[in-house]
N, C-alpha and C. Protein backbone atom coordinates (compact mmCIF):
# COMPACT_ATOMS: atom_id res chain seq x y z
N UNK A 1 86.80 119.28 161.36
CA UNK A 1 88.08 119.61 160.91
C UNK A 1 88.59 118.66 160.09
N UNK A 2 89.34 118.94 159.15
CA UNK A 2 89.87 118.01 158.30
C UNK A 2 91.33 117.69 158.74
N UNK A 3 91.93 116.50 158.24
CA UNK A 3 93.21 116.19 158.68
C UNK A 3 94.18 116.75 157.83
N UNK A 4 93.91 117.29 156.71
CA UNK A 4 94.73 118.07 155.86
C UNK A 4 94.11 119.50 155.38
N UNK A 5 94.43 120.41 156.28
CA UNK A 5 93.58 121.67 155.98
C UNK A 5 94.27 122.29 154.96
N UNK A 6 95.41 122.31 154.50
CA UNK A 6 95.97 122.95 153.33
C UNK A 6 95.44 122.40 152.05
N UNK A 7 95.52 121.11 152.05
CA UNK A 7 94.85 120.51 150.82
C UNK A 7 93.53 120.91 150.61
N UNK A 8 92.82 120.74 151.72
CA UNK A 8 91.39 121.03 151.81
C UNK A 8 91.03 122.50 151.27
N UNK A 9 91.87 123.40 151.73
CA UNK A 9 91.79 124.81 151.38
C UNK A 9 91.96 125.12 149.95
N UNK A 10 93.11 124.33 149.46
CA UNK A 10 93.42 124.35 147.96
C UNK A 10 92.34 124.02 147.02
N UNK A 11 91.63 122.89 147.44
CA UNK A 11 90.74 122.22 146.60
C UNK A 11 89.39 123.05 146.63
N UNK A 12 89.12 123.60 147.63
CA UNK A 12 87.83 124.42 147.92
C UNK A 12 88.14 125.89 147.15
N UNK A 13 89.09 126.26 147.27
CA UNK A 13 89.51 127.84 146.76
C UNK A 13 89.68 127.86 145.27
N UNK A 14 90.06 126.57 144.74
CA UNK A 14 90.49 126.45 143.33
C UNK A 14 91.73 127.25 142.86
N UNK A 15 92.55 127.54 143.88
CA UNK A 15 93.80 128.57 143.68
C UNK A 15 94.91 127.56 142.80
N UNK A 16 94.46 126.27 142.77
CA UNK A 16 95.50 125.61 142.15
C UNK A 16 95.34 125.53 140.42
N UNK A 17 94.03 125.94 140.08
CA UNK A 17 93.63 125.99 138.68
C UNK A 17 94.55 126.72 137.77
N UNK A 18 95.29 127.65 138.26
CA UNK A 18 96.28 128.39 137.42
C UNK A 18 97.55 127.70 137.11
N UNK A 19 97.88 126.61 137.95
CA UNK A 19 99.01 125.83 137.63
C UNK A 19 98.98 125.13 136.24
N UNK A 20 100.15 125.32 135.50
CA UNK A 20 100.36 124.67 134.16
C UNK A 20 101.40 123.49 134.36
N UNK A 21 101.24 122.50 133.38
CA UNK A 21 102.22 121.40 133.33
C UNK A 21 103.64 122.06 133.19
N UNK A 22 104.57 121.24 133.60
CA UNK A 22 106.07 121.75 133.65
C UNK A 22 106.32 122.07 132.05
N UNK A 23 107.07 123.24 132.13
CA UNK A 23 107.51 123.74 130.62
C UNK A 23 108.65 122.84 130.24
N UNK A 24 108.67 122.78 128.94
CA UNK A 24 109.86 122.05 128.28
C UNK A 24 111.09 122.92 128.60
N UNK A 25 112.33 122.12 128.58
CA UNK A 25 113.50 122.96 128.77
C UNK A 25 113.71 124.03 127.58
N UNK A 26 114.08 125.16 128.05
CA UNK A 26 114.27 126.19 127.01
C UNK A 26 115.75 126.49 126.86
N UNK A 27 116.02 127.16 125.61
CA UNK A 27 117.30 127.52 125.27
C UNK A 27 117.12 129.02 124.65
N UNK A 28 118.14 130.04 125.00
CA UNK A 28 117.79 131.31 124.55
C UNK A 28 118.55 131.35 123.02
N UNK A 29 118.11 132.38 122.48
CA UNK A 29 118.62 132.64 121.00
C UNK A 29 120.14 132.94 121.15
N UNK A 30 120.68 133.40 122.11
CA UNK A 30 122.11 133.82 122.33
C UNK A 30 122.76 132.36 122.42
N UNK A 31 122.17 131.65 123.30
CA UNK A 31 123.01 130.13 123.69
C UNK A 31 122.92 129.33 122.14
N UNK A 32 121.82 129.42 121.51
CA UNK A 32 121.74 128.52 120.42
C UNK A 32 122.51 129.03 119.20
N UNK A 33 122.83 130.47 119.21
CA UNK A 33 123.58 131.02 118.23
C UNK A 33 125.05 130.60 118.33
N UNK A 34 125.60 130.27 119.58
CA UNK A 34 126.83 129.71 119.80
C UNK A 34 127.01 128.39 119.06
N UNK A 35 125.99 127.56 118.98
CA UNK A 35 126.06 126.35 118.42
C UNK A 35 126.19 126.57 116.90
N UNK A 36 125.09 127.31 116.43
CA UNK A 36 125.19 127.82 115.01
C UNK A 36 126.52 128.23 114.35
N UNK A 37 127.04 129.18 115.19
CA UNK A 37 128.21 129.90 114.80
C UNK A 37 129.48 128.98 114.84
N UNK A 38 129.41 127.85 115.62
CA UNK A 38 130.58 127.03 115.92
C UNK A 38 130.90 126.12 114.65
N UNK A 39 132.05 126.49 114.00
CA UNK A 39 132.20 125.66 112.79
C UNK A 39 132.59 124.36 112.98
N UNK A 40 133.10 123.87 114.14
CA UNK A 40 133.26 122.51 114.58
C UNK A 40 131.98 121.61 114.78
N UNK A 41 130.90 122.33 115.02
CA UNK A 41 129.48 121.73 115.28
C UNK A 41 128.82 121.65 113.80
N UNK A 42 128.13 120.55 113.53
CA UNK A 42 127.43 120.28 112.27
C UNK A 42 125.86 120.12 112.55
N UNK A 43 125.07 120.82 111.94
CA UNK A 43 123.49 120.63 112.18
C UNK A 43 123.31 119.24 111.63
N UNK A 44 122.47 118.51 112.34
CA UNK A 44 122.00 117.19 112.00
C UNK A 44 122.89 116.17 112.58
N UNK A 45 124.18 116.64 113.25
CA UNK A 45 124.97 115.79 113.66
C UNK A 45 125.34 116.12 115.14
N UNK A 46 125.64 117.34 115.54
CA UNK A 46 125.97 117.88 116.84
C UNK A 46 124.58 118.41 117.58
N UNK A 47 123.83 119.04 116.66
CA UNK A 47 122.64 119.30 117.14
C UNK A 47 121.57 119.59 115.97
N UNK A 48 120.41 119.61 116.33
CA UNK A 48 119.29 119.77 115.25
C UNK A 48 118.34 120.84 115.89
N UNK A 49 118.13 121.70 114.72
CA UNK A 49 116.94 122.66 114.82
C UNK A 49 115.78 122.29 114.19
N UNK A 50 114.72 122.08 114.73
CA UNK A 50 113.32 121.65 114.03
C UNK A 50 112.55 122.78 114.04
N UNK A 51 112.17 123.44 112.98
CA UNK A 51 111.15 124.61 112.71
C UNK A 51 109.99 124.02 112.40
N UNK A 52 109.04 124.19 113.15
CA UNK A 52 107.71 123.63 113.09
C UNK A 52 106.52 124.61 112.42
N UNK A 53 107.09 125.73 111.97
CA UNK A 53 106.31 126.60 111.33
C UNK A 53 105.71 126.10 110.00
N UNK A 54 104.72 126.64 109.49
CA UNK A 54 104.20 126.22 108.44
C UNK A 54 104.76 127.08 107.09
N UNK A 55 103.92 127.96 106.38
CA UNK A 55 104.52 128.60 105.25
C UNK A 55 105.37 129.76 105.55
N UNK A 56 105.28 130.18 106.86
CA UNK A 56 106.27 131.22 107.26
C UNK A 56 107.71 130.84 107.49
N UNK A 57 108.09 129.58 107.33
CA UNK A 57 109.37 129.03 107.33
C UNK A 57 110.15 129.57 106.03
N UNK A 58 109.16 129.76 104.90
CA UNK A 58 109.99 130.36 103.73
C UNK A 58 110.28 131.71 103.67
N UNK A 59 109.80 132.41 104.65
CA UNK A 59 110.05 133.92 104.94
C UNK A 59 111.63 134.13 105.53
N UNK A 60 112.02 132.94 106.24
CA UNK A 60 113.44 133.12 106.84
C UNK A 60 113.34 132.05 107.87
N UNK A 61 114.57 131.60 107.99
CA UNK A 61 114.83 130.44 109.00
C UNK A 61 116.32 130.55 109.52
N UNK A 62 116.46 129.65 110.68
CA UNK A 62 117.76 129.53 111.18
C UNK A 62 118.59 128.68 110.24
N UNK A 63 119.83 129.06 110.14
CA UNK A 63 120.62 128.00 109.28
C UNK A 63 120.75 126.64 109.70
N UNK A 64 120.61 125.68 108.78
CA UNK A 64 120.57 124.20 109.21
C UNK A 64 119.44 123.77 109.73
N UNK A 65 118.33 124.45 109.78
CA UNK A 65 117.07 124.00 110.57
C UNK A 65 116.40 123.28 109.57
N UNK A 66 115.59 121.88 110.13
CA UNK A 66 114.91 121.33 109.16
C UNK A 66 113.29 121.75 109.46
N UNK A 67 112.52 121.91 108.32
CA UNK A 67 111.27 122.31 108.51
C UNK A 67 110.11 121.16 108.48
N UNK A 68 109.59 120.91 109.72
CA UNK A 68 108.55 119.83 109.79
C UNK A 68 107.44 120.54 110.47
N UNK A 69 106.45 120.85 109.61
CA UNK A 69 105.28 121.62 110.25
C UNK A 69 104.71 120.88 111.55
N UNK A 70 104.18 121.74 112.39
CA UNK A 70 103.77 121.10 113.64
C UNK A 70 102.77 120.15 113.36
N UNK A 71 101.81 120.14 112.44
CA UNK A 71 100.83 119.12 112.25
C UNK A 71 101.41 117.99 111.85
N UNK A 72 102.63 117.74 111.45
CA UNK A 72 103.26 116.51 110.79
C UNK A 72 104.05 115.95 111.84
N UNK A 73 104.40 116.65 113.08
CA UNK A 73 105.52 116.16 114.08
C UNK A 73 105.12 114.71 114.34
N UNK A 74 103.81 114.47 114.83
CA UNK A 74 103.70 113.15 115.35
C UNK A 74 103.77 112.09 114.23
N UNK A 75 103.27 112.46 113.12
CA UNK A 75 103.46 111.35 112.07
C UNK A 75 104.94 111.08 111.80
N UNK A 76 105.56 112.26 111.82
CA UNK A 76 107.13 112.06 111.33
C UNK A 76 107.85 111.87 112.59
N UNK A 77 107.72 111.63 113.74
CA UNK A 77 108.31 111.61 114.77
C UNK A 77 109.31 110.36 114.70
N UNK A 78 108.71 109.16 114.18
CA UNK A 78 109.53 107.98 113.88
C UNK A 78 110.80 108.33 112.87
N UNK A 79 110.40 109.09 111.83
CA UNK A 79 111.48 109.48 110.83
C UNK A 79 112.67 110.25 111.64
N UNK A 80 112.18 111.14 112.34
CA UNK A 80 113.21 112.15 113.07
C UNK A 80 114.13 111.27 113.97
N UNK A 81 113.48 110.52 114.76
CA UNK A 81 114.01 109.66 115.68
C UNK A 81 115.05 108.68 114.99
N UNK A 82 114.56 108.12 113.96
CA UNK A 82 115.60 107.10 113.15
C UNK A 82 116.70 107.79 112.42
N UNK A 83 116.46 109.02 111.93
CA UNK A 83 117.59 109.84 111.27
C UNK A 83 118.34 110.56 112.23
N UNK A 84 117.82 111.15 113.59
CA UNK A 84 118.68 111.88 114.32
C UNK A 84 118.80 111.40 115.74
N UNK A 85 118.73 110.10 115.95
CA UNK A 85 118.81 109.49 117.30
C UNK A 85 120.26 109.81 117.88
N UNK A 86 121.10 109.83 117.14
CA UNK A 86 122.64 110.19 117.75
C UNK A 86 122.88 111.50 117.89
N UNK A 87 122.01 112.40 117.34
CA UNK A 87 122.18 113.81 117.78
C UNK A 87 121.85 114.27 119.22
N UNK A 88 122.92 114.83 119.96
CA UNK A 88 122.73 114.99 121.41
C UNK A 88 121.70 116.08 121.84
N UNK A 89 121.33 116.99 120.93
CA UNK A 89 120.57 118.13 121.28
C UNK A 89 119.68 118.46 120.16
N UNK A 90 118.37 118.44 120.47
CA UNK A 90 117.26 118.85 119.44
C UNK A 90 116.62 120.02 120.16
N UNK A 91 116.25 121.05 119.24
CA UNK A 91 115.81 122.36 119.58
C UNK A 91 114.42 122.41 118.57
N UNK A 92 113.35 122.57 119.26
CA UNK A 92 112.13 122.98 118.51
C UNK A 92 111.82 124.44 118.59
N UNK A 93 111.26 124.92 117.53
CA UNK A 93 110.65 126.29 117.61
C UNK A 93 109.56 126.46 116.74
N UNK A 94 108.73 127.50 116.92
CA UNK A 94 107.78 128.02 116.06
C UNK A 94 107.96 129.51 115.91
N UNK A 95 106.88 130.22 115.60
CA UNK A 95 107.17 131.73 115.48
C UNK A 95 107.54 132.30 116.80
N UNK A 96 106.61 131.92 117.85
CA UNK A 96 106.96 132.53 119.31
C UNK A 96 107.37 131.67 120.39
N UNK A 97 107.26 130.15 119.82
CA UNK A 97 107.61 129.23 120.76
C UNK A 97 106.65 129.29 122.12
N UNK A 98 105.36 129.69 121.72
CA UNK A 98 104.40 129.63 122.89
C UNK A 98 103.50 128.20 122.74
N UNK A 99 103.16 127.84 121.48
CA UNK A 99 102.18 126.77 121.26
C UNK A 99 102.85 125.67 120.49
N UNK A 100 102.96 125.93 119.25
CA UNK A 100 103.44 124.71 118.36
C UNK A 100 104.93 124.26 118.66
N UNK A 101 105.63 125.06 119.06
CA UNK A 101 107.10 124.54 119.06
C UNK A 101 107.04 123.58 120.44
N UNK A 102 106.54 124.23 121.58
CA UNK A 102 106.58 123.40 122.88
C UNK A 102 105.71 122.19 122.76
N UNK A 103 104.50 122.35 122.00
CA UNK A 103 103.81 120.98 121.82
C UNK A 103 104.61 119.97 121.04
N UNK A 104 105.15 120.43 119.92
CA UNK A 104 105.94 119.57 119.09
C UNK A 104 107.04 118.96 119.95
N UNK A 105 107.95 119.69 120.81
CA UNK A 105 108.73 119.05 121.63
C UNK A 105 108.35 117.95 122.55
N UNK A 106 107.01 118.37 123.14
CA UNK A 106 106.36 117.35 124.03
C UNK A 106 106.02 116.06 123.28
N UNK A 107 105.44 116.23 122.09
CA UNK A 107 105.05 115.08 121.27
C UNK A 107 106.50 114.16 121.03
N UNK A 108 107.44 114.88 120.68
CA UNK A 108 108.66 114.17 120.14
C UNK A 108 109.15 113.43 121.55
N UNK A 109 109.22 114.12 122.77
CA UNK A 109 109.86 113.50 123.91
C UNK A 109 108.93 112.38 124.37
N UNK A 110 107.62 112.52 124.30
CA UNK A 110 106.77 111.41 124.82
C UNK A 110 107.05 110.14 123.89
N UNK A 111 107.27 110.32 122.48
CA UNK A 111 107.51 109.13 121.86
C UNK A 111 108.81 108.58 122.12
N UNK A 112 109.81 109.35 122.23
CA UNK A 112 111.11 108.95 122.80
C UNK A 112 111.06 108.20 124.02
N UNK A 113 110.34 108.74 125.11
CA UNK A 113 110.09 108.02 126.14
C UNK A 113 109.48 106.66 126.00
N UNK A 114 108.54 106.71 125.16
CA UNK A 114 107.89 105.34 124.86
C UNK A 114 108.80 104.29 124.29
N UNK A 115 109.64 104.72 123.45
CA UNK A 115 110.49 103.89 122.84
C UNK A 115 111.70 103.49 123.86
N UNK A 116 111.99 104.36 124.71
CA UNK A 116 113.05 103.91 125.64
C UNK A 116 112.52 103.02 126.69
N UNK A 117 111.21 102.71 126.81
CA UNK A 117 110.58 101.76 127.77
C UNK A 117 110.87 100.52 127.13
N UNK A 118 111.10 100.38 125.74
CA UNK A 118 111.09 98.86 125.29
C UNK A 118 112.72 98.87 124.90
N UNK A 119 113.19 99.82 124.63
CA UNK A 119 114.69 99.72 124.18
C UNK A 119 115.82 99.90 125.26
N UNK A 120 116.82 99.37 125.27
CA UNK A 120 117.82 99.35 126.23
C UNK A 120 118.25 100.69 126.65
N UNK A 121 118.84 100.97 127.87
CA UNK A 121 119.22 102.43 128.18
C UNK A 121 120.34 102.70 127.50
N UNK A 122 120.94 101.70 126.79
CA UNK A 122 122.13 102.07 125.95
C UNK A 122 121.76 102.83 124.59
N UNK A 123 120.29 102.99 124.48
CA UNK A 123 119.86 103.80 123.22
C UNK A 123 120.26 105.07 123.43
N UNK A 124 121.07 105.79 122.47
CA UNK A 124 121.43 107.14 122.42
C UNK A 124 120.37 108.22 122.66
N UNK A 125 118.95 107.79 122.37
CA UNK A 125 117.85 108.68 122.86
C UNK A 125 118.05 108.93 124.31
N UNK A 126 118.50 108.00 125.06
CA UNK A 126 118.44 108.11 126.61
C UNK A 126 119.14 109.47 126.96
N UNK A 127 120.09 109.99 126.22
CA UNK A 127 120.86 111.20 126.62
C UNK A 127 120.54 112.31 125.82
N UNK A 128 119.61 112.28 125.08
CA UNK A 128 119.29 113.31 123.97
C UNK A 128 118.62 114.50 124.88
N UNK A 129 119.03 115.67 124.62
CA UNK A 129 118.58 116.83 125.11
C UNK A 129 117.41 117.39 124.11
N UNK A 130 116.20 117.72 124.70
CA UNK A 130 115.04 118.18 123.90
C UNK A 130 114.74 119.41 124.52
N UNK A 131 114.91 120.62 123.67
CA UNK A 131 114.74 121.89 124.09
C UNK A 131 113.84 122.72 123.17
N UNK A 132 113.43 123.67 123.74
CA UNK A 132 112.49 124.80 122.90
C UNK A 132 113.24 126.26 122.82
N UNK A 133 113.44 126.47 121.65
CA UNK A 133 113.95 128.01 121.57
C UNK A 133 113.17 129.06 122.27
N UNK A 134 113.57 129.70 123.19
CA UNK A 134 112.71 130.78 123.98
C UNK A 134 112.50 131.95 122.90
N UNK A 135 111.16 132.33 122.91
CA UNK A 135 110.84 133.26 122.06
C UNK A 135 110.82 133.11 120.59
N UNK A 136 111.10 131.93 120.33
CA UNK A 136 110.88 131.51 118.79
C UNK A 136 111.56 132.20 117.80
N UNK A 137 111.38 132.15 116.55
CA UNK A 137 111.82 132.81 115.48
C UNK A 137 111.93 134.22 115.41
N UNK A 138 110.71 134.70 116.14
CA UNK A 138 110.55 136.18 116.03
C UNK A 138 111.66 136.59 117.01
N UNK A 139 111.74 136.00 118.21
CA UNK A 139 112.86 136.38 119.19
C UNK A 139 114.26 136.45 118.51
N UNK A 140 114.34 135.22 117.72
CA UNK A 140 115.70 135.00 116.92
C UNK A 140 115.94 136.16 115.93
N UNK A 141 114.95 136.50 115.29
CA UNK A 141 115.02 137.47 114.22
C UNK A 141 115.33 138.87 114.83
N UNK A 142 114.67 139.27 116.06
CA UNK A 142 114.79 140.40 116.76
C UNK A 142 116.22 140.61 117.29
N UNK A 143 116.93 139.39 117.63
CA UNK A 143 118.20 139.42 118.24
C UNK A 143 119.14 139.56 117.27
N UNK A 144 118.99 138.99 115.92
CA UNK A 144 120.18 138.87 115.01
C UNK A 144 119.91 139.55 113.61
N UNK A 145 118.75 140.06 113.39
CA UNK A 145 118.49 140.43 111.90
C UNK A 145 119.34 141.62 111.79
N UNK A 146 119.59 142.57 112.40
CA UNK A 146 120.39 143.65 112.09
C UNK A 146 121.70 143.48 112.50
N UNK A 147 122.06 142.70 113.52
CA UNK A 147 123.58 142.30 113.91
C UNK A 147 124.23 141.32 113.24
N UNK A 148 123.49 140.36 112.88
CA UNK A 148 124.23 139.16 112.37
C UNK A 148 123.16 138.52 111.30
N UNK A 149 122.98 139.21 110.22
CA UNK A 149 121.99 138.61 109.31
C UNK A 149 122.35 137.40 108.55
N UNK A 150 123.51 136.84 108.78
CA UNK A 150 124.00 135.52 108.30
C UNK A 150 123.41 134.39 109.22
N UNK A 151 122.77 134.86 110.39
CA UNK A 151 122.02 133.78 111.19
C UNK A 151 120.75 133.67 110.83
N UNK A 152 120.16 134.23 109.74
CA UNK A 152 118.84 134.18 109.15
C UNK A 152 118.95 133.68 107.77
N UNK A 153 118.64 132.70 107.23
CA UNK A 153 118.75 131.99 106.02
C UNK A 153 117.44 132.31 105.02
N UNK A 154 117.63 132.84 103.95
CA UNK A 154 116.43 132.95 103.08
C UNK A 154 115.56 134.12 103.38
N UNK A 155 116.07 135.11 104.16
CA UNK A 155 115.11 136.04 104.67
C UNK A 155 114.65 137.03 103.61
N UNK A 156 113.31 136.99 103.56
CA UNK A 156 112.51 137.84 102.68
C UNK A 156 111.77 139.09 103.45
N UNK A 157 112.46 140.15 103.36
CA UNK A 157 111.92 141.28 104.14
C UNK A 157 110.44 141.69 103.81
N UNK A 158 110.15 141.70 102.74
CA UNK A 158 108.79 142.01 102.29
C UNK A 158 107.75 141.18 102.81
N UNK A 159 108.03 139.88 102.72
CA UNK A 159 106.99 138.72 103.21
C UNK A 159 107.05 138.98 104.63
N UNK A 160 108.15 139.10 105.19
CA UNK A 160 108.41 139.28 106.86
C UNK A 160 107.38 140.40 107.25
N UNK A 161 107.37 141.59 106.68
CA UNK A 161 106.83 142.74 106.98
C UNK A 161 105.30 142.54 106.84
N UNK A 162 104.95 141.69 106.05
CA UNK A 162 103.63 141.50 105.61
C UNK A 162 102.99 140.55 106.78
N UNK A 163 103.74 139.70 107.39
CA UNK A 163 103.11 138.83 108.43
C UNK A 163 102.30 139.46 109.61
């Protein structure tokens, strides 16, 4: 008989294999839209939306979003940190925010955490909120395309339908 039967049964049954790493903090389209609509809030100052899609960014995007394709996030994280370290809230997204958006947010967060290990706790990055847009741009478009089309910049219906 083992001293830790619960741990032993978990290890032998492999029931822990379905566990995933903790998810990044999420923000809904409705909550993010409150920021985007607020005329007192400025993108790149009060919040930053990082769209990590590739060519599909050109089909339409959230007003004020910056486009940094996911394959460039690691290389450009230093640039993001340097330019936007005083921004209190950064939201990453891709098409569905299932792969590229969350991965980009994790990469950025890990680089910020490494910087904070060597920088003083007074660094503004210590208080920066890093989030992922729940359901990505597709969820955003589903929510606002017909009700508030001004919340989608440069929307190209023909290209959108072709995706």
